[in-house]
């Protein structure tokens, strides 16, 4: 690849990384990982139902759900007085795949230059 093309890829991957940073931050915490795994097994759950699968406090679970919502990994839908949470990774997966794909292109470009 041409050096200018690599620079364009590096700029692209830098922007993709910035776009994925909230996702990475949300996924970095083991408690949030646990919440995601709980939600993969259920269509939707409220905080009380999530608490049944966790040793965390209600306020801690709510805090982690807020971070997951901000990263667009979880949806919150209010029904009556309850808020139900469901996994929503449909937007995050393509973003992460695009970042990894661009990173692989950069790595392949650098490997071919070193050969």
N, C-alpha and C. Protein backbone atom coordinates (compact mmCIF):
# COMPACT_ATOMS: atom_id res chain seq x y z
N UNK A 1 0.83 -1.20 0.00
CA UNK A 1 0.00 0.00 0.00
C UNK A 1 0.87 1.25 0.00
N UNK A 2 0.33 2.28 -0.52
CA UNK A 2 1.04 3.55 -0.56
C UNK A 2 1.05 4.17 0.83
N UNK A 3 2.11 4.94 1.17
CA UNK A 3 2.16 5.59 2.48
C UNK A 3 0.96 6.49 2.76
N UNK A 4 0.50 7.23 1.73
CA UNK A 4 -0.65 8.12 1.94
C UNK A 4 -1.92 7.32 2.25
N UNK A 5 -2.04 6.13 1.63
CA UNK A 5 -3.20 5.28 1.90
C UNK A 5 -3.17 4.79 3.35
N UNK A 6 -1.98 4.42 3.81
CA UNK A 6 -1.84 3.98 5.19
C UNK A 6 -2.22 5.12 6.13
N UNK A 7 -1.79 6.32 5.82
CA UNK A 7 -2.14 7.48 6.64
C UNK A 7 -3.65 7.67 6.68
N UNK A 8 -4.30 7.48 5.54
CA UNK A 8 -5.76 7.59 5.51
C UNK A 8 -6.39 6.50 6.38
N UNK A 9 -5.82 5.29 6.31
CA UNK A 9 -6.34 4.21 7.16
C UNK A 9 -6.12 4.52 8.64
N UNK A 10 -4.97 5.08 8.95
CA UNK A 10 -4.69 5.43 10.35
C UNK A 10 -5.64 6.51 10.85
N UNK A 11 -5.95 7.47 10.00
CA UNK A 11 -6.93 8.49 10.38
C UNK A 11 -8.32 7.86 10.58
N UNK A 12 -8.65 6.94 9.67
CA UNK A 12 -9.94 6.26 9.76
C UNK A 12 -10.03 5.44 11.04
N UNK A 13 -8.98 4.67 11.35
CA UNK A 13 -9.02 3.83 12.54
C UNK A 13 -9.03 4.68 13.82
N UNK A 14 -8.37 5.83 13.75
CA UNK A 14 -8.39 6.73 14.91
C UNK A 14 -9.81 7.22 15.18
N UNK A 15 -10.51 7.60 14.14
CA UNK A 15 -11.90 8.05 14.30
C UNK A 15 -12.80 6.90 14.76
N UNK A 16 -12.58 5.72 14.19
CA UNK A 16 -13.37 4.55 14.61
C UNK A 16 -13.13 4.23 16.08
N UNK A 17 -11.88 4.34 16.50
CA UNK A 17 -11.56 4.09 17.90
C UNK A 17 -12.28 5.08 18.80
N UNK A 18 -12.28 6.33 18.42
CA UNK A 18 -13.02 7.34 19.19
C UNK A 18 -14.51 7.02 19.24
N UNK A 19 -15.05 6.59 18.10
CA UNK A 19 -16.47 6.24 18.04
C UNK A 19 -16.80 5.04 18.92
N UNK A 20 -15.84 4.16 19.11
CA UNK A 20 -16.05 2.94 19.91
C UNK A 20 -15.66 3.11 21.38
N UNK A 21 -15.10 4.25 21.74
CA UNK A 21 -14.55 4.39 23.10
C UNK A 21 -15.60 4.19 24.19
N UNK A 22 -16.81 4.68 24.00
CA UNK A 22 -17.86 4.46 25.01
C UNK A 22 -18.19 2.98 25.15
N UNK A 23 -18.17 2.28 24.04
CA UNK A 23 -18.44 0.84 24.07
C UNK A 23 -17.34 0.13 24.85
N UNK A 24 -16.08 0.45 24.54
CA UNK A 24 -14.96 -0.17 25.24
C UNK A 24 -15.01 0.13 26.74
N UNK A 25 -15.31 1.37 27.09
CA UNK A 25 -15.40 1.73 28.51
C UNK A 25 -16.52 0.97 29.20
N UNK A 26 -17.64 0.85 28.53
CA UNK A 26 -18.77 0.13 29.11
C UNK A 26 -18.46 -1.35 29.28
N UNK A 27 -17.76 -1.93 28.32
CA UNK A 27 -17.45 -3.36 28.37
C UNK A 27 -16.26 -3.68 29.28
N UNK A 28 -15.51 -2.67 29.70
CA UNK A 28 -14.31 -2.90 30.50
C UNK A 28 -14.60 -3.36 31.93
N UNK A 29 -15.76 -3.08 32.42
CA UNK A 29 -16.09 -3.40 33.81
C UNK A 29 -16.71 -4.79 33.95
N UNK A 30 -16.19 -5.63 34.84
CA UNK A 30 -16.72 -6.99 35.02
C UNK A 30 -18.20 -7.02 35.43
N UNK A 31 -18.65 -6.05 36.19
CA UNK A 31 -20.06 -6.01 36.60
C UNK A 31 -20.95 -5.77 35.38
N UNK A 32 -20.53 -4.84 34.53
CA UNK A 32 -21.30 -4.58 33.32
C UNK A 32 -21.25 -5.78 32.38
N UNK A 33 -20.13 -6.46 32.34
CA UNK A 33 -20.05 -7.69 31.55
C UNK A 33 -21.06 -8.71 32.08
N UNK A 34 -21.14 -8.83 33.41
CA UNK A 34 -22.11 -9.75 34.02
C UNK A 34 -23.54 -9.37 33.67
N UNK A 35 -23.84 -8.07 33.72
CA UNK A 35 -25.19 -7.61 33.38
C UNK A 35 -25.51 -7.97 31.92
N UNK A 36 -24.55 -7.76 31.03
CA UNK A 36 -24.77 -8.11 29.62
C UNK A 36 -25.03 -9.60 29.49
N UNK A 37 -24.25 -10.41 30.19
CA UNK A 37 -24.45 -11.86 30.10
C UNK A 37 -25.82 -12.26 30.66
N UNK A 38 -26.27 -11.61 31.71
CA UNK A 38 -27.62 -11.87 32.26
C UNK A 38 -28.67 -11.52 31.22
N UNK A 39 -28.50 -10.36 30.58
CA UNK A 39 -29.48 -9.92 29.59
C UNK A 39 -29.47 -10.77 28.33
N UNK A 40 -28.37 -11.45 28.04
CA UNK A 40 -28.35 -12.33 26.86
C UNK A 40 -29.28 -13.52 27.05
N UNK A 41 -29.56 -13.84 28.32
CA UNK A 41 -30.40 -15.01 28.63
C UNK A 41 -31.87 -14.67 28.78
N UNK A 42 -32.19 -13.37 28.74
CA UNK A 42 -33.57 -12.93 28.95
C UNK A 42 -33.92 -11.85 27.93
N UNK A 43 -35.16 -11.84 27.52
CA UNK A 43 -35.60 -10.83 26.56
C UNK A 43 -35.56 -9.43 27.18
N UNK A 44 -36.03 -9.33 28.43
CA UNK A 44 -36.02 -8.06 29.15
C UNK A 44 -36.12 -8.35 30.64
N UNK A 45 -35.49 -7.48 31.43
CA UNK A 45 -35.52 -7.60 32.89
C UNK A 45 -35.59 -6.22 33.51
N UNK A 46 -36.22 -6.14 34.69
CA UNK A 46 -36.16 -4.90 35.45
C UNK A 46 -35.01 -5.00 36.45
N UNK A 47 -34.72 -3.94 37.18
CA UNK A 47 -33.59 -3.93 38.10
C UNK A 47 -33.73 -5.02 39.15
N UNK A 48 -34.94 -5.21 39.67
CA UNK A 48 -35.16 -6.25 40.69
C UNK A 48 -34.82 -7.63 40.15
N UNK A 49 -35.19 -7.89 38.91
CA UNK A 49 -34.89 -9.19 38.31
C UNK A 49 -33.39 -9.35 38.05
N UNK A 50 -32.72 -8.28 37.68
CA UNK A 50 -31.27 -8.34 37.50
C UNK A 50 -30.60 -8.58 38.84
N UNK A 51 -31.12 -7.95 39.89
CA UNK A 51 -30.57 -8.14 41.24
C UNK A 51 -30.61 -9.60 41.69
N UNK A 52 -31.60 -10.35 41.23
CA UNK A 52 -31.70 -11.76 41.58
C UNK A 52 -30.49 -12.56 41.09
N UNK A 53 -29.79 -12.05 40.10
CA UNK A 53 -28.64 -12.72 39.52
C UNK A 53 -27.32 -12.08 39.94
N UNK A 54 -27.36 -11.13 40.88
CA UNK A 54 -26.17 -10.37 41.23
C UNK A 54 -26.12 -10.12 42.74
N UNK A 55 -24.92 -9.89 43.23
CA UNK A 55 -24.76 -9.56 44.65
C UNK A 55 -24.61 -8.05 44.85
N UNK A 56 -24.74 -7.28 43.78
CA UNK A 56 -24.60 -5.82 43.85
C UNK A 56 -25.86 -5.17 44.43
N UNK A 57 -25.71 -3.94 44.90
CA UNK A 57 -26.85 -3.19 45.39
C UNK A 57 -27.69 -2.68 44.24
N UNK A 58 -28.92 -2.30 44.54
CA UNK A 58 -29.83 -1.75 43.53
C UNK A 58 -29.24 -0.50 42.88
N UNK A 59 -28.66 0.38 43.70
CA UNK A 59 -28.09 1.62 43.15
C UNK A 59 -26.87 1.33 42.27
N UNK A 60 -26.08 0.33 42.63
CA UNK A 60 -24.92 -0.03 41.80
C UNK A 60 -25.36 -0.58 40.46
N UNK A 61 -26.38 -1.46 40.48
CA UNK A 61 -26.91 -2.01 39.23
C UNK A 61 -27.45 -0.89 38.36
N UNK A 62 -28.20 0.03 38.95
CA UNK A 62 -28.76 1.16 38.20
C UNK A 62 -27.66 2.01 37.58
N UNK A 63 -26.60 2.24 38.34
CA UNK A 63 -25.46 3.01 37.83
C UNK A 63 -24.84 2.32 36.62
N UNK A 64 -24.62 1.02 36.71
CA UNK A 64 -24.02 0.28 35.60
C UNK A 64 -24.96 0.21 34.39
N UNK A 65 -26.24 0.10 34.64
CA UNK A 65 -27.21 0.10 33.54
C UNK A 65 -27.20 1.45 32.82
N UNK A 66 -27.02 2.53 33.57
CA UNK A 66 -26.95 3.86 32.97
C UNK A 66 -25.76 3.95 32.01
N UNK A 67 -24.62 3.42 32.42
CA UNK A 67 -23.43 3.44 31.57
C UNK A 67 -23.65 2.59 30.33
N UNK A 68 -24.27 1.43 30.50
CA UNK A 68 -24.57 0.57 29.36
C UNK A 68 -25.56 1.24 28.39
N UNK A 69 -26.53 1.97 28.95
CA UNK A 69 -27.47 2.71 28.10
C UNK A 69 -26.75 3.82 27.33
N UNK A 70 -25.87 4.55 28.00
CA UNK A 70 -25.13 5.63 27.35
C UNK A 70 -24.27 5.12 26.20
N UNK A 71 -23.80 3.89 26.33
CA UNK A 71 -22.99 3.28 25.27
C UNK A 71 -23.87 2.61 24.21
N UNK A 72 -25.17 2.74 24.36
CA UNK A 72 -26.15 2.13 23.45
C UNK A 72 -26.03 0.61 23.37
N UNK A 73 -25.69 0.00 24.50
CA UNK A 73 -25.62 -1.46 24.58
C UNK A 73 -26.87 -2.06 25.21
N UNK A 74 -27.65 -1.20 25.87
CA UNK A 74 -28.86 -1.64 26.56
C UNK A 74 -29.97 -0.62 26.29
N UNK A 75 -31.16 -1.12 26.06
CA UNK A 75 -32.35 -0.28 25.93
C UNK A 75 -33.12 -0.29 27.24
N UNK A 76 -33.79 0.81 27.53
CA UNK A 76 -34.65 0.90 28.70
C UNK A 76 -36.05 1.30 28.24
N UNK A 77 -37.03 0.49 28.62
CA UNK A 77 -38.42 0.77 28.25
C UNK A 77 -39.28 0.76 29.51
N UNK A 78 -39.97 1.87 29.72
CA UNK A 78 -40.82 1.99 30.90
C UNK A 78 -42.20 1.41 30.62
N UNK A 79 -42.64 0.54 31.50
CA UNK A 79 -43.99 -0.03 31.44
C UNK A 79 -44.62 0.15 32.82
N UNK A 80 -45.56 1.07 32.89
CA UNK A 80 -46.15 1.40 34.18
C UNK A 80 -45.10 2.08 35.05
N UNK A 81 -44.85 1.50 36.22
CA UNK A 81 -43.84 2.07 37.12
C UNK A 81 -42.49 1.39 36.99
N UNK A 82 -42.43 0.35 36.18
CA UNK A 82 -41.20 -0.43 36.02
C UNK A 82 -40.44 -0.03 34.76
N UNK A 83 -39.14 -0.10 34.84
CA UNK A 83 -38.28 0.09 33.67
C UNK A 83 -37.67 -1.27 33.35
N UNK A 84 -37.86 -1.71 32.12
CA UNK A 84 -37.31 -2.99 31.69
C UNK A 84 -36.13 -2.74 30.77
N UNK A 85 -35.08 -3.52 30.99
CA UNK A 85 -33.84 -3.38 30.24
C UNK A 85 -33.66 -4.58 29.32
N UNK A 86 -33.19 -4.31 28.13
CA UNK A 86 -32.92 -5.37 27.17
C UNK A 86 -31.60 -5.08 26.47
N UNK A 87 -30.97 -6.13 26.04
CA UNK A 87 -29.70 -6.01 25.34
C UNK A 87 -29.93 -5.38 23.96
N UNK A 88 -29.07 -4.45 23.60
CA UNK A 88 -29.18 -3.79 22.29
C UNK A 88 -27.76 -3.61 21.74
N UNK A 89 -27.27 -4.65 21.07
CA UNK A 89 -25.90 -4.58 20.54
C UNK A 89 -25.86 -4.45 19.02
N UNK A 90 -27.02 -4.30 18.43
CA UNK A 90 -27.11 -4.25 16.97
C UNK A 90 -26.30 -3.11 16.36
N UNK A 91 -26.18 -1.99 17.06
CA UNK A 91 -25.40 -0.86 16.55
C UNK A 91 -23.92 -1.00 16.90
N UNK A 92 -23.63 -1.56 18.07
CA UNK A 92 -22.25 -1.66 18.54
C UNK A 92 -21.44 -2.68 17.74
N UNK A 93 -22.03 -3.80 17.41
CA UNK A 93 -21.29 -4.86 16.72
C UNK A 93 -20.70 -4.39 15.39
N UNK A 94 -21.48 -3.76 14.52
CA UNK A 94 -20.88 -3.27 13.27
C UNK A 94 -19.78 -2.22 13.49
N UNK A 95 -19.95 -1.36 14.50
CA UNK A 95 -18.91 -0.37 14.81
C UNK A 95 -17.61 -1.06 15.21
N UNK A 96 -17.72 -2.05 16.08
CA UNK A 96 -16.53 -2.78 16.54
C UNK A 96 -15.90 -3.57 15.40
N UNK A 97 -16.73 -4.18 14.57
CA UNK A 97 -16.21 -4.94 13.42
C UNK A 97 -15.46 -4.01 12.46
N UNK A 98 -16.01 -2.84 12.21
CA UNK A 98 -15.35 -1.89 11.30
C UNK A 98 -14.00 -1.46 11.86
N UNK A 99 -13.94 -1.19 13.15
CA UNK A 99 -12.68 -0.82 13.79
C UNK A 99 -11.65 -1.94 13.66
N UNK A 100 -12.07 -3.17 13.94
CA UNK A 100 -11.15 -4.31 13.84
C UNK A 100 -10.71 -4.55 12.40
N UNK A 101 -11.62 -4.39 11.46
CA UNK A 101 -11.30 -4.57 10.05
C UNK A 101 -10.24 -3.56 9.59
N UNK A 102 -10.42 -2.31 9.95
CA UNK A 102 -9.44 -1.28 9.58
C UNK A 102 -8.11 -1.54 10.26
N UNK A 103 -8.14 -1.94 11.51
CA UNK A 103 -6.90 -2.26 12.24
C UNK A 103 -6.16 -3.40 11.56
N UNK A 104 -6.90 -4.42 11.13
CA UNK A 104 -6.28 -5.55 10.42
C UNK A 104 -5.64 -5.09 9.11
N UNK A 105 -6.28 -4.18 8.40
CA UNK A 105 -5.72 -3.66 7.15
C UNK A 105 -4.40 -2.93 7.42
N UNK A 106 -4.36 -2.15 8.48
CA UNK A 106 -3.13 -1.42 8.84
C UNK A 106 -2.03 -2.41 9.20
N UNK A 107 -2.37 -3.41 9.99
CA UNK A 107 -1.38 -4.42 10.39
C UNK A 107 -0.86 -5.18 9.18
N UNK A 108 -1.75 -5.54 8.26
CA UNK A 108 -1.34 -6.26 7.05
C UNK A 108 -0.43 -5.38 6.20
N UNK A 109 -0.76 -4.11 6.12
CA UNK A 109 0.06 -3.17 5.35
C UNK A 109 1.46 -3.07 5.93
N UNK A 110 1.56 -2.98 7.23
CA UNK A 110 2.87 -2.87 7.89
C UNK A 110 3.65 -4.17 7.78
N UNK A 111 2.96 -5.30 7.84
CA UNK A 111 3.62 -6.60 7.72
C UNK A 111 4.19 -6.76 6.32
N UNK A 112 3.42 -6.37 5.30
CA UNK A 112 3.90 -6.51 3.91
C UNK A 112 5.09 -5.59 3.63
N UNK A 113 5.17 -4.48 4.30
CA UNK A 113 6.30 -3.55 4.14
C UNK A 113 7.57 -4.15 4.75
N UNK A 114 7.40 -4.91 5.83
CA UNK A 114 8.55 -5.48 6.52
C UNK A 114 9.08 -6.75 5.86
N UNK A 115 8.37 -7.28 4.91
CA UNK A 115 8.80 -8.52 4.24
C UNK A 115 9.72 -8.27 3.10
